[in-house]
C-alpha atoms as a PDB file:
ATOM      1  CA  MET A   1      48.627  67.064  48.828  1.00  0.00           C
ATOM      2  CA  LYS A   2      51.908  68.956  48.706  1.00  0.00           C
ATOM      3  CA  LYS A   3      50.817  70.897  45.632  1.00  0.00           C
ATOM      4  CA  VAL A   4      47.552  71.820  47.318  1.00  0.00           C
ATOM      5  CA  SER A   5      49.372  73.030  50.429  1.00  0.00           C
ATOM      6  CA  ILE A   6      51.736  75.128  48.309  1.00  0.00           C
ATOM      7  CA  ALA A   7      48.851  76.682  46.392  1.00  0.00           C
ATOM      8  CA  LEU A   8      46.969  77.505  49.581  1.00  0.00           C
ATOM      9  CA  GLY A   9      50.110  78.936  51.103  1.00  0.00           C
ATOM     10  CA  ALA A  10      50.634  81.122  48.049  1.00  0.00           C
ATOM     11  CA  VAL A  11      47.116  82.495  48.269  1.00  0.00           C
ATOM     12  CA  LEU A  12      47.597  83.290  51.941  1.00  0.00           C
ATOM     13  CA  ALA A  13      50.914  84.940  51.170  1.00  0.00           C
ATOM     14  CA  VAL A  14      49.227  87.216  48.648  1.00  0.00           C
ATOM     15  CA  ALA A  15      46.652  88.212  51.233  1.00  0.00           C
ATOM     16  CA  LEU A  16      49.372  89.011  53.744  1.00  0.00           C
ATOM     17  CA  VAL A  17      51.173  91.313  51.313  1.00  0.00           C
ATOM     18  CA  VAL A  18      48.806  94.083  52.348  1.00  0.00           C
ATOM     19  CA  GLY A  19      50.616  94.295  55.664  1.00  0.00           C
ATOM     20  CA  CYS A  20      54.119  94.316  54.143  1.00  0.00           C
ATOM     21  CA  SER A  21      56.406  97.132  53.078  1.00  0.00           C
ATOM     22  CA  ASN A  22      56.268  98.687  49.612  1.00  0.00           C
ATOM     23  CA  THR A  23      59.501  96.908  48.707  1.00  0.00           C
ATOM     24  CA  THR A  24      57.979  93.551  49.623  1.00  0.00           C
ATOM     25  CA  VAL A  25      54.879  94.372  47.605  1.00  0.00           C
ATOM     26  CA  LEU A  26      56.961  95.129  44.519  1.00  0.00           C
ATOM     27  CA  LYS A  27      58.894  91.900  44.896  1.00  0.00           C
ATOM     28  CA  THR A  28      55.735  89.831  45.177  1.00  0.00           C
ATOM     29  CA  VAL A  29      53.711  91.458  42.377  1.00  0.00           C
ATOM     30  CA  THR A  30      54.772  88.872  39.814  1.00  0.00           C
ATOM     31  CA  LYS A  31      53.923  85.990  42.148  1.00  0.00           C
ATOM     32  CA  SER A  32      50.646  87.635  43.068  1.00  0.00           C
ATOM     33  CA  GLU A  33      49.668  87.979  39.421  1.00  0.00           C
ATOM     34  CA  THR A  34      50.559  84.342  38.825  1.00  0.00           C
ATOM     35  CA  VAL A  35      48.424  83.185  41.739  1.00  0.00           C
ATOM     36  CA  LEU A  36      45.529  85.393  40.587  1.00  0.00           C
ATOM     37  CA  LYS A  37      45.704  83.995  37.060  1.00  0.00           C
ATOM     38  CA  THR A  38      45.863  80.452  38.389  1.00  0.00           C
ATOM     39  CA  VAL A  39      42.845  80.928  40.643  1.00  0.00           C
ATOM     40  CA  THR A  40      40.878  82.663  37.878  1.00  0.00           C
ATOM     41  CA  LYS A  41      41.695  79.936  35.367  1.00  0.00           C
ATOM     42  CA  THR A  42      40.592  77.308  37.877  1.00  0.00           C
ATOM     43  CA  VAL A  43      37.306  78.911  38.896  1.00  0.00           C
ATOM     44  CA  GLU A  44      36.201  80.449  35.583  1.00  0.00           C
ATOM     45  CA  PRO A  45      34.915  77.184  33.993  1.00  0.00           C
ATOM     46  CA  TYR A  46      32.374  76.893  36.798  1.00  0.00           C
ATOM     47  CA  PHE A  47      30.529  79.985  35.592  1.00  0.00           C
ATOM     48  CA  HIS A  48      31.208  79.964  31.843  1.00  0.00           C
ATOM     49  CA  GLY A  49      31.646  77.444  29.065  1.00  0.00           C
ATOM     50  CA  PRO A  50      29.775  75.072  26.728  1.00  0.00           C
ATOM     51  CA  GLY A  51      26.233  74.454  27.912  1.00  0.00           C
ATOM     52  CA  ILE A  52      26.393  77.416  30.300  1.00  0.00           C
ATOM     53  CA  THR A  53      27.187  80.532  28.312  1.00  0.00           C
ATOM     54  CA  GLY A  54      24.281  81.800  26.212  1.00  0.00           C
ATOM     55  CA  THR A  55      20.510  82.184  26.492  1.00  0.00           C
ATOM     56  CA  LYS A  56      17.487  79.939  26.052  1.00  0.00           C
ATOM     57  CA  PHE A  57      13.755  80.470  26.634  1.00  0.00           C
ATOM     58  CA  GLU A  58      11.829  77.242  27.222  1.00  0.00           C
ATOM     59  CA  LYS A  59       8.254  76.189  27.873  1.00  0.00           C
ATOM     60  CA  LEU A  60       7.969  73.817  30.836  1.00  0.00           C
ATOM     61  CA  ASN A  61       4.211  73.351  30.771  1.00  0.00           C
ATOM     62  CA  GLU A  62       1.083  75.261  29.695  1.00  0.00           C
ATOM     63  CA  THR A  63       1.675  77.910  32.354  1.00  0.00           C
ATOM     64  CA  VAL A  64       5.365  78.094  33.234  1.00  0.00           C
ATOM     65  CA  TYR A  65       8.385  79.057  31.134  1.00  0.00           C
ATOM     66  CA  THR A  66      12.036  79.299  32.122  1.00  0.00           C
ATOM     67  CA  PHE A  67      14.730  81.654  30.850  1.00  0.00           C
ATOM     68  CA  HIS A  68      18.382  80.631  30.988  1.00  0.00           C
ATOM     69  CA  TRP A  69      20.949  83.446  30.741  1.00  0.00           C
ATOM     70  CA  ASN A  70      24.507  82.202  31.235  1.00  0.00           C
ATOM     71  CA  TRP A  71      24.551  80.524  34.646  1.00  0.00           C
ATOM     72  CA  TYR A  72      21.388  82.296  35.819  1.00  0.00           C
ATOM     73  CA  ARG A  73      17.838  80.996  35.425  1.00  0.00           C
ATOM     74  CA  ASN A  74      14.404  82.354  36.343  1.00  0.00           C
ATOM     75  CA  ILE A  75      10.785  81.497  35.606  1.00  0.00           C
ATOM     76  CA  VAL A  76       7.901  83.243  33.863  1.00  0.00           C
ATOM     77  CA  ILE A  77       4.315  82.370  34.704  1.00  0.00           C
ATOM     78  CA  ALA A  78       1.601  83.098  32.139  1.00  0.00           C
ATOM     79  CA  THR A  79      -1.695  84.113  33.780  1.00  0.00           C
ATOM     80  CA  ASN A  80      -4.987  85.612  32.608  1.00  0.00           C
ATOM     81  CA  GLU A  81      -3.959  88.981  34.082  1.00  0.00           C
ATOM     82  CA  GLY A  82      -0.488  89.052  32.557  1.00  0.00           C
ATOM     83  CA  LEU A  83       2.933  87.583  33.161  1.00  0.00           C
ATOM     84  CA  VAL A  84       4.621  86.911  36.499  1.00  0.00           C
ATOM     85  CA  VAL A  85       8.427  86.946  36.597  1.00  0.00           C
ATOM     86  CA  ILE A  86      10.424  85.699  39.575  1.00  0.00           C
ATOM     87  CA  ASP A  87      13.813  87.439  39.859  1.00  0.00           C
ATOM     88  CA  PRO A  88      15.067  89.800  37.128  1.00  0.00           C
ATOM     89  CA  MET A  89      18.683  89.065  38.213  1.00  0.00           C
ATOM     90  CA  ASN A  90      20.381  91.974  36.405  1.00  0.00           C
ATOM     91  CA  ALA A  91      19.707  94.585  33.728  1.00  0.00           C
ATOM     92  CA  GLU A  92      21.382  92.591  30.945  1.00  0.00           C
ATOM     93  CA  MET A  93      19.411  89.438  31.677  1.00  0.00           C
ATOM     94  CA  ALA A  94      16.160  91.364  32.150  1.00  0.00           C
ATOM     95  CA  ALA A  95      16.626  93.139  28.804  1.00  0.00           C
ATOM     96  CA  ALA A  96      17.254  89.812  27.062  1.00  0.00           C
ATOM     97  CA  LEU A  97      14.190  88.339  28.777  1.00  0.00           C
ATOM     98  CA  ARG A  98      12.098  91.323  27.649  1.00  0.00           C
ATOM     99  CA  GLN A  99      12.956  90.505  24.040  1.00  0.00           C
ATOM    100  CA  GLU A 100      11.864  86.899  24.540  1.00  0.00           C
ATOM    101  CA  LEU A 101       8.614  87.960  26.182  1.00  0.00           C
ATOM    102  CA  ASP A 102       7.830  90.327  23.314  1.00  0.00           C
ATOM    103  CA  ARG A 103       8.469  87.489  20.877  1.00  0.00           C
ATOM    104  CA  VAL A 104       6.479  84.774  22.668  1.00  0.00           C
ATOM    105  CA  PHE A 105       3.798  86.971  24.282  1.00  0.00           C
ATOM    106  CA  PRO A 106       3.391  90.002  21.975  1.00  0.00           C
ATOM    107  CA  GLY A 107       1.507  92.790  23.707  1.00  0.00           C
ATOM    108  CA  LYS A 108       1.267  90.952  27.028  1.00  0.00           C
ATOM    109  CA  LYS A 109       2.312  92.959  30.094  1.00  0.00           C
ATOM    110  CA  VAL A 110       4.329  91.866  33.101  1.00  0.00           C
ATOM    111  CA  HIS A 111       1.701  91.989  35.806  1.00  0.00           C
ATOM    112  CA  THR A 112       3.979  91.104  38.728  1.00  0.00           C
ATOM    113  CA  LEU A 113       7.686  90.884  39.427  1.00  0.00           C
ATOM    114  CA  ILE A 114       8.639  88.921  42.552  1.00  0.00           C
ATOM    115  CA  TYR A 115      11.995  89.052  44.332  1.00  0.00           C
ATOM    116  CA  SER A 116      12.928  85.707  45.882  1.00  0.00           C
ATOM    117  CA  HIS A 117      15.240  87.490  48.353  1.00  0.00           C
ATOM    118  CA  TYR A 118      17.064  90.779  48.683  1.00  0.00           C
ATOM    119  CA  HIS A 119      20.451  89.839  47.184  1.00  0.00           C
ATOM    120  CA  LEU A 120      21.477  92.290  44.479  1.00  0.00           C
ATOM    121  CA  ASP A 121      22.380  89.621  41.922  1.00  0.00           C
ATOM    122  CA  HIS A 122      18.714  88.586  41.924  1.00  0.00           C
ATOM    123  CA  THR A 123      16.971  91.956  42.197  1.00  0.00           C
ATOM    124  CA  LYS A 124      18.539  94.361  39.700  1.00  0.00           C
ATOM    125  CA  GLY A 125      17.159  95.259  36.272  1.00  0.00           C
ATOM    126  CA  GLY A 126      13.453  95.027  37.027  1.00  0.00           C
ATOM    127  CA  ALA A 127      12.723  98.312  35.231  1.00  0.00           C
ATOM    128  CA  GLU A 128      13.510  96.562  31.930  1.00  0.00           C
ATOM    129  CA  LEU A 129      10.324  94.530  32.416  1.00  0.00           C
ATOM    130  CA  SER A 130       8.005  97.463  33.314  1.00  0.00           C
ATOM    131  CA  PRO A 131       6.026  95.435  35.863  1.00  0.00           C
ATOM    132  CA  GLU A 132       2.790  96.774  37.313  1.00  0.00           C
ATOM    133  CA  ASN A 133       3.503  95.215  40.696  1.00  0.00           C
ATOM    134  CA  VAL A 134       6.706  94.327  42.536  1.00  0.00           C
ATOM    135  CA  ILE A 135       6.704  92.009  45.565  1.00  0.00           C
ATOM    136  CA  ALA A 136       9.468  91.433  48.130  1.00  0.00           C
ATOM    137  CA  HIS A 137       9.957  90.315  51.711  1.00  0.00           C
ATOM    138  CA  LYS A 138       9.257  93.160  54.108  1.00  0.00           C
ATOM    139  CA  LYS A 139      12.783  93.105  55.544  1.00  0.00           C
ATOM    140  CA  SER A 140      14.502  93.579  52.171  1.00  0.00           C
ATOM    141  CA  PRO A 141      14.771  97.404  52.439  1.00  0.00           C
ATOM    142  CA  VAL A 142      16.765  97.037  55.677  1.00  0.00           C
ATOM    143  CA  TYR A 143      19.550  95.430  53.657  1.00  0.00           C
ATOM    144  CA  TRP A 144      19.169  97.498  50.500  1.00  0.00           C
ATOM    145  CA  ASN A 145      19.373 100.768  52.394  1.00  0.00           C
ATOM    146  CA  ALA A 146      22.741  99.760  53.854  1.00  0.00           C
ATOM    147  CA  VAL A 147      24.384  99.385  50.427  1.00  0.00           C
ATOM    148  CA  ASP A 148      24.375 100.904  46.967  1.00  0.00           C
ATOM    149  CA  HIS A 149      21.284  99.283  45.479  1.00  0.00           C
ATOM    150  CA  GLY A 150      20.896 101.273  42.296  1.00  0.00           C
ATOM    151  CA  GLY A 151      18.993  99.282  39.699  1.00  0.00           C
ATOM    152  CA  VAL A 152      16.652  97.623  42.198  1.00  0.00           C
ATOM    153  CA  LEU A 153      13.078  98.523  41.307  1.00  0.00           C
ATOM    154  CA  GLU A 154      11.213  99.527  44.465  1.00  0.00           C
ATOM    155  CA  PRO A 155       8.543  97.048  45.583  1.00  0.00           C
ATOM    156  CA  THR A 156       4.891  98.026  45.580  1.00  0.00           C
ATOM    157  CA  ARG A 157       4.019  95.321  48.112  1.00  0.00           C
ATOM    158  CA  TYR A 158       5.876  93.663  50.954  1.00  0.00           C
ATOM    159  CA  ILE A 159       5.051  90.240  52.359  1.00  0.00           C
ATOM    160  CA  GLU A 160       6.197  88.142  55.310  1.00  0.00           C
ATOM    161  CA  GLY A 161       5.758  84.501  56.217  1.00  0.00           C
ATOM    162  CA  ASP A 162       4.117  81.992  53.890  1.00  0.00           C
ATOM    163  CA  THR A 163       1.934  83.830  51.396  1.00  0.00           C
ATOM    164  CA  VAL A 164      -0.443  82.516  48.747  1.00  0.00           C
ATOM    165  CA  LEU A 165      -0.609  84.679  45.636  1.00  0.00           C
ATOM    166  CA  ASN A 166      -3.544  84.152  43.288  1.00  0.00           C
ATOM    167  CA  ILE A 167      -2.783  85.969  40.046  1.00  0.00           C
ATOM    168  CA  GLY A 168      -4.892  85.522  36.945  1.00  0.00           C
ATOM    169  CA  GLY A 169      -6.148  82.085  37.908  1.00  0.00           C
ATOM    170  CA  VAL A 170      -2.753  80.707  38.933  1.00  0.00           C
ATOM    171  CA  GLU A 171      -1.942  79.838  42.530  1.00  0.00           C
ATOM    172  CA  ILE A 172       1.620  80.702  43.549  1.00  0.00           C
ATOM    173  CA  GLN A 173       2.636  79.627  47.034  1.00  0.00           C
ATOM    174  CA  ALA A 174       5.475  81.812  48.332  1.00  0.00           C
ATOM    175  CA  LEU A 175       7.138  79.685  51.006  1.00  0.00           C
ATOM    176  CA  TYR A 176       9.181  81.610  53.552  1.00  0.00           C
ATOM    177  CA  LEU A 177      12.388  79.754  54.388  1.00  0.00           C
ATOM    178  CA  GLY A 178      13.464  81.672  57.479  1.00  0.00           C
ATOM    179  CA  LEU A 179      17.122  82.297  58.234  1.00  0.00           C
ATOM    180  CA  SER A 180      18.708  80.094  55.587  1.00  0.00           C
ATOM    181  CA  HIS A 181      20.177  82.022  52.669  1.00  0.00           C
ATOM    182  CA  THR A 182      19.411  85.447  54.176  1.00  0.00           C
ATOM    183  CA  ASP A 183      16.283  85.842  56.304  1.00  0.00           C
ATOM    184  CA  THR A 184      14.329  87.239  53.332  1.00  0.00           C
ATOM    185  CA  LEU A 185      14.281  84.075  51.244  1.00  0.00           C
ATOM    186  CA  TYR A 186      11.251  82.558  49.509  1.00  0.00           C
ATOM    187  CA  ALA A 187      10.831  79.433  47.412  1.00  0.00           C
ATOM    188  CA  PHE A 188       7.813  79.163  45.124  1.00  0.00           C
ATOM    189  CA  HIS A 189       5.487  76.203  44.745  1.00  0.00           C
ATOM    190  CA  LEU A 190       2.938  76.044  41.932  1.00  0.00           C
ATOM    191  CA  PRO A 191       0.730  73.147  43.038  1.00  0.00           C
ATOM    192  CA  GLN A 192      -1.334  72.893  39.857  1.00  0.00           C
ATOM    193  CA  GLU A 193       1.816  72.753  37.767  1.00  0.00           C
ATOM    194  CA  ARG A 194       3.612  70.482  40.284  1.00  0.00           C
ATOM    195  CA  LEU A 195       6.655  72.728  40.138  1.00  0.00           C
ATOM    196  CA  VAL A 196       9.035  74.301  42.673  1.00  0.00           C
ATOM    197  CA  PHE A 197      11.368  77.223  41.943  1.00  0.00           C
ATOM    198  CA  THR A 198      14.198  77.950  44.357  1.00  0.00           C
ATOM    199  CA  ALA A 199      16.751  80.741  44.521  1.00  0.00           C
ATOM    200  CA  ASP A 200      20.213  79.623  45.649  1.00  0.00           C
ATOM    201  CA  ILE A 201      18.878  76.497  47.309  1.00  0.00           C
ATOM    202  CA  GLY A 202      19.601  73.392  45.294  1.00  0.00           C
ATOM    203  CA  LEU A 203      21.233  72.747  41.927  1.00  0.00           C
ATOM    204  CA  VAL A 204      21.024  69.926  39.408  1.00  0.00           C
ATOM    205  CA  LYS A 205      24.165  67.772  39.421  1.00  0.00           C
ATOM    206  CA  ALA A 206      26.352  70.760  40.344  1.00  0.00           C
ATOM    207  CA  VAL A 207      28.232  71.605  43.531  1.00  0.00           C
ATOM    208  CA  PRO A 208      27.592  74.999  45.160  1.00  0.00           C
ATOM    209  CA  PRO A 209      29.652  78.078  44.336  1.00  0.00           C
ATOM    210  CA  VAL A 210      31.922  79.275  47.146  1.00  0.00           C
ATOM    211  CA  GLY A 211      30.055  77.202  49.727  1.00  0.00           C
ATOM    212  CA  VAL A 212      26.861  79.235  49.074  1.00  0.00           C
ATOM    213  CA  PRO A 213      27.567  82.781  50.284  1.00  0.00           C
ATOM    214  CA  ASP A 214      25.366  84.075  53.110  1.00  0.00           C
ATOM    215  CA  ARG A 215      24.368  80.575  54.178  1.00  0.00           C
ATOM    216  CA  TYR A 216      23.295  79.740  57.709  1.00  0.00           C
ATOM    217  CA  ALA A 217      23.724  75.971  57.502  1.00  0.00           C
ATOM    218  CA  PRO A 218      21.172  74.817  60.143  1.00  0.00           C
ATOM    219  CA  GLY A 219      18.419  76.929  58.612  1.00  0.00           C
ATOM    220  CA  TYR A 220      19.536  76.127  55.080  1.00  0.00           C
ATOM    221  CA  HIS A 221      19.266  72.396  55.658  1.00  0.00           C
ATOM    222  CA  ALA A 222      15.890  72.823  57.365  1.00  0.00           C
ATOM    223  CA  ALA A 223      14.707  74.763  54.315  1.00  0.00           C
ATOM    224  CA  MET A 224      15.799  71.977  51.961  1.00  0.00           C
ATOM    225  CA  ASN A 225      14.036  69.380  54.059  1.00  0.00           C
ATOM    226  CA  ARG A 226      10.862  71.442  54.080  1.00  0.00           C
ATOM    227  CA  LEU A 227      10.867  71.724  50.284  1.00  0.00           C
ATOM    228  CA  ILE A 228      11.496  68.013  49.853  1.00  0.00           C
ATOM    229  CA  GLU A 229       8.343  67.273  51.843  1.00  0.00           C
ATOM    230  CA  ILE A 230       6.285  68.960  49.091  1.00  0.00           C
ATOM    231  CA  ASP A 231       4.682  66.747  46.440  1.00  0.00           C
ATOM    232  CA  PHE A 232       6.034  68.063  43.122  1.00  0.00           C
ATOM    233  CA  ASP A 233       7.745  66.883  39.937  1.00  0.00           C
ATOM    234  CA  THR A 234       9.671  69.725  38.275  1.00  0.00           C
ATOM    235  CA  PHE A 235      12.521  71.427  40.105  1.00  0.00           C
ATOM    236  CA  VAL A 236      13.793  74.754  38.737  1.00  0.00           C
ATOM    237  CA  PRO A 237      16.771  76.285  40.576  1.00  0.00           C
ATOM    238  CA  SER A 238      18.018  79.810  39.876  1.00  0.00           C
ATOM    239  CA  HIS A 239      21.292  78.582  38.364  1.00  0.00           C
ATOM    240  CA  PHE A 240      22.328  76.095  35.674  1.00  0.00           C
ATOM    241  CA  GLU A 241      19.918  73.333  34.587  1.00  0.00           C
ATOM    242  CA  TYR A 242      16.442  72.413  35.794  1.00  0.00           C
ATOM    243  CA  GLY A 243      15.399  68.890  36.695  1.00  0.00           C
ATOM    244  CA  THR A 244      13.156  66.870  38.986  1.00  0.00           C
ATOM    245  CA  LYS A 245      12.432  66.629  42.687  1.00  0.00           C
ATOM    246  CA  GLN A 246      15.015  63.825  42.929  1.00  0.00           C
ATOM    247  CA  ASP A 247      17.699  66.330  41.905  1.00  0.00           C
ATOM    248  CA  LEU A 248      16.857  68.461  44.926  1.00  0.00           C
ATOM    249  CA  VAL A 249      16.955  65.370  47.151  1.00  0.00           C
ATOM    250  CA  ASP A 250      20.358  64.432  45.734  1.00  0.00           C
ATOM    251  CA  TRP A 251      21.670  67.964  46.308  1.00  0.00           C
ATOM    252  CA  ARG A 252      20.409  67.996  49.908  1.00  0.00           C
ATOM    253  CA  ASP A 253      22.156  64.680  50.493  1.00  0.00           C
ATOM    254  CA  MET A 254      25.406  66.029  49.039  1.00  0.00           C
ATOM    255  CA  MET A 255      25.304  69.130  51.235  1.00  0.00           C
ATOM    256  CA  GLU A 256      24.582  67.087  54.356  1.00  0.00           C
ATOM    257  CA  TYR A 257      27.342  64.593  53.526  1.00  0.00           C
ATOM    258  CA  SER A 258      29.909  67.359  53.059  1.00  0.00           C
ATOM    259  CA  ARG A 259      28.858  69.025  56.282  1.00  0.00           C
ATOM    260  CA  ARG A 260      29.070  65.728  58.181  1.00  0.00           C
ATOM    261  CA  LEU A 261      32.553  65.024  56.835  1.00  0.00           C
ATOM    262  CA  ALA A 262      33.672  68.512  57.865  1.00  0.00           C
ATOM    263  CA  SER A 263      32.342  67.953  61.371  1.00  0.00           C
ATOM    264  CA  GLU A 264      34.200  64.640  61.625  1.00  0.00           C
ATOM    265  CA  ALA A 265      37.403  66.262  60.370  1.00  0.00           C
ATOM    266  CA  ILE A 266      37.192  68.938  63.051  1.00  0.00           C
ATOM    267  CA  LYS A 267      36.703  66.308  65.758  1.00  0.00           C
ATOM    268  CA  ASN A 268      39.722  64.458  64.431  1.00  0.00           C
ATOM    269  CA  GLN A 269      42.068  67.381  63.704  1.00  0.00           C
ATOM    270  CA  GLY A 270      40.779  70.071  66.029  1.00  0.00           C
ATOM    271  CA  THR A 271      39.343  73.534  65.482  1.00  0.00           C
ATOM    272  CA  PRO A 272      40.994  75.527  62.653  1.00  0.00           C
ATOM    273  CA  GLY A 273      44.039  77.435  63.836  1.00  0.00           C
ATOM    274  CA  VAL A 274      45.152  75.251  66.730  1.00  0.00           C
ATOM    275  CA  LYS A 275      47.956  73.460  64.867  1.00  0.00           C
ATOM    276  CA  GLY A 276      49.865  73.436  61.602  1.00  0.00           C
ATOM    277  CA  ASN A 277      48.793  71.961  58.256  1.00  0.00           C
ATOM    278  CA  GLN A 278      45.178  71.610  59.323  1.00  0.00           C
ATOM    279  CA  ILE A 279      43.811  72.596  55.925  1.00  0.00           C
ATOM    280  CA  GLY A 280      45.882  69.822  54.404  1.00  0.00           C
ATOM    281  CA  GLU A 281      44.558  67.321  56.928  1.00  0.00           C
ATOM    282  CA  TYR A 282      40.971  68.458  56.374  1.00  0.00           C
ATOM    283  CA  PHE A 283      41.544  68.068  52.640  1.00  0.00           C
ATOM    284  CA  ASP A 284      42.783  64.498  53.036  1.00  0.00           C
ATOM    285  CA  MET A 285      39.720  63.554  55.084  1.00  0.00           C
ATOM    286  CA  LEU A 286      37.130  65.130  52.777  1.00  0.00           C
ATOM    287  CA  TYR A 287      38.478  64.937  49.243  1.00  0.00           C
ATOM    288  CA  LYS A 288      38.421  61.195  48.561  1.00  0.00           C
ATOM    289  CA  PRO A 289      34.903  60.426  49.846  1.00  0.00           C
ATOM    290  CA  MET A 290      33.462  63.547  48.174  1.00  0.00           C
ATOM    291  CA  LYS A 291      35.293  62.781  44.917  1.00  0.00           C
ATOM    292  CA  GLU A 292      33.972  59.214  44.858  1.00  0.00           C
ATOM    293  CA  LYS A 293      30.357  60.372  45.187  1.00  0.00           C
ATOM    294  CA  TYR A 294      30.295  63.739  43.477  1.00  0.00           C
ATOM    295  CA  GLY A 295      33.451  64.086  41.404  1.00  0.00           C
ATOM    296  CA  HIS A 296      31.367  63.870  38.205  1.00  0.00           C
ATOM    297  CA  TRP A 297      29.144  66.814  39.194  1.00  0.00           C
ATOM    298  CA  HIS A 298      29.659  70.164  37.531  1.00  0.00           C
ATOM    299  CA  GLY A 299      32.182  72.374  39.315  1.00  0.00           C
ATOM    300  CA  PHE A 300      33.597  69.774  41.686  1.00  0.00           C
ATOM    301  CA  ASN A 301      37.229  70.507  40.844  1.00  0.00           C
ATOM    302  CA  GLN A 302      36.736  74.274  40.624  1.00  0.00           C
ATOM    303  CA  MET A 303      34.902  74.669  43.919  1.00  0.00           C
ATOM    304  CA  PHE A 304      36.114  71.875  46.182  1.00  0.00           C
ATOM    305  CA  ILE A 305      38.676  73.903  48.152  1.00  0.00           C
ATOM    306  CA  LEU A 306      36.342  76.882  48.546  1.00  0.00           C
ATOM    307  CA  ASN A 307      33.501  74.637  49.706  1.00  0.00           C
ATOM    308  CA  LEU A 308      35.850  72.773  52.048  1.00  0.00           C
ATOM    309  CA  VAL A 309      36.920  75.987  53.757  1.00  0.00           C
ATOM    310  CA  ARG A 310      33.299  77.160  54.063  1.00  0.00           C
ATOM    311  CA  ASP A 311      32.126  73.883  55.614  1.00  0.00           C
ATOM    312  CA  VAL A 312      35.015  73.589  58.051  1.00  0.00           C
ATOM    313  CA  VAL A 313      34.756  77.210  59.198  1.00  0.00           C
ATOM    314  CA  GLY A 314      30.968  77.028  59.349  1.00  0.00           C
ATOM    315  CA  GLU A 315      30.953  73.877  61.407  1.00  0.00           C
ATOM    316  CA  SER A 316      33.601  75.338  63.730  1.00  0.00           C
ATOM    317  CA  LEU A 317      31.698  78.573  64.355  1.00  0.00           C
ATOM    318  CA  GLY A 318      28.166  77.171  64.256  1.00  0.00           C
ATOM    319  CA  TYR A 319      26.742  78.788  61.139  1.00  0.00           C
END
């Protein structure tokens, strides 16, 4: 516990350097670099390493394929009118996917590219696929126009609410998940293939990165519960491995357990900021029970502190 408190204190000290004099900055550069290297070394294995780094194109059934590029994953749907791709992610991944499509489907066009939500790490690089149609939630441009969104291929069609897409004989149910992970988020259910694809909702035996950025917890948990009510077999998340519906159930349970523990810790130790060493006390209340249940999941050690802070702050502020 002492080591954890020291590490957290060091990180906070680095952040506070911004408000110090130039002399103080110079004196703390070495320590700052050490902290940065330590944090990077700790977090890096979450995103890269054996079984993660690399690419792989796989056939899931007669209609659906999945492409794994480092920690990212998307799906390709083969229809009579051409291919449907959900999320290009980035230009490098899209270019690598294009090569796979040319190899597996020579001469077959990308009929439709669908954005699961507006986030830039899911929507860049679409031009590499030369799609005839691009679909996104109607509110996406509100967010894109507020930032530098170069590399995002402009949609040809905007949708809102639940939408059924029938493309080349394949039914794709775009399920709107409300304010959960942005308010532009869709999951995709292919009933004939008994498959669900999600973007940033659910992972297979892996804890979330950084507490899931841009997560509104009440809506996020409602979205997970809605998806679990669907009758399906294959679960394909947008990161790491794919699995079964039970993997999504297990992930929902993990997220709810962590959130409940955070709520109990706040009731016991008070709202963050009201007394000293609260992070340490929160850690003591959450670490052991989470470790016992989920310590074997990918990324537990790398992301525990970041997820702890997100859950405690989120529960305190109501998001």
